[in-house]
Protein backbone atom coordinates (compact mmCIF):
# COMPACT_ATOMS: atom_id res chain seq x y z
CA VAL A 1 -20.00 58.81 -6.89
CA VAL A 2 -18.03 61.54 -8.72
CA TRP A 3 -21.00 63.30 -9.36
CA TYR A 4 -21.79 63.61 -5.64
CA HIS A 5 -18.33 64.64 -5.08
CA ASN A 6 -18.63 67.62 -7.32
CA LYS A 7 -22.37 68.66 -6.51
CA GLY A 8 -22.11 67.76 -2.61
CA PHE A 9 -23.22 64.49 -0.91
CA PRO A 10 -26.36 64.26 0.80
CA LYS A 11 -26.48 64.97 4.49
CA GLY A 12 -26.71 61.87 6.85
CA GLN A 13 -25.26 58.37 7.03
CA LEU A 14 -25.89 57.88 3.05
CA GLY A 15 -23.83 60.96 2.55
CA ARG A 16 -20.81 59.77 4.72
CA LEU A 17 -21.12 56.20 3.05
CA LEU A 18 -20.76 57.56 -0.45
CA GLU A 19 -18.13 59.98 0.48
CA THR A 20 -16.02 56.75 2.03
CA VAL A 21 -16.80 54.95 -1.28
CA TYR A 22 -15.48 57.88 -3.22
CA GLU A 23 -12.38 58.05 -1.18
CA LEU A 24 -11.63 54.44 -1.55
CA LYS A 25 -11.91 54.58 -5.31
CA LEU A 26 -9.98 57.83 -5.40
CA ASN A 27 -7.05 56.07 -3.76
CA GLY A 28 -7.34 52.73 -5.30
CA LEU A 29 -8.41 50.86 -2.30
CA GLU A 30 -11.11 48.94 -3.82
CA GLU A 31 -8.89 45.87 -3.90
CA LEU A 32 -8.28 46.18 -0.19
CA ILE A 33 -11.96 45.93 0.64
CA ARG A 34 -12.29 42.82 -1.70
CA ASN A 35 -9.40 40.93 0.23
CA ILE A 36 -11.19 41.91 3.61
CA LYS A 37 -14.52 40.78 2.54
CA ARG A 38 -12.98 37.30 1.36
CA GLN A 39 -11.10 36.89 4.62
CA PHE A 40 -14.01 37.65 6.99
CA PRO A 41 -17.29 36.53 5.13
CA LYS A 42 -20.48 36.85 6.75
């Protein structure tokens, strides 16, 4: 994900998703996502 940040994210939905993952990791919010997934299982 860091490589894409440095080189540029692809266009479209995939690029937006990768950029979101990068921001979540950068800001240390991965645990927040894990908690949400535990609270709202499929």
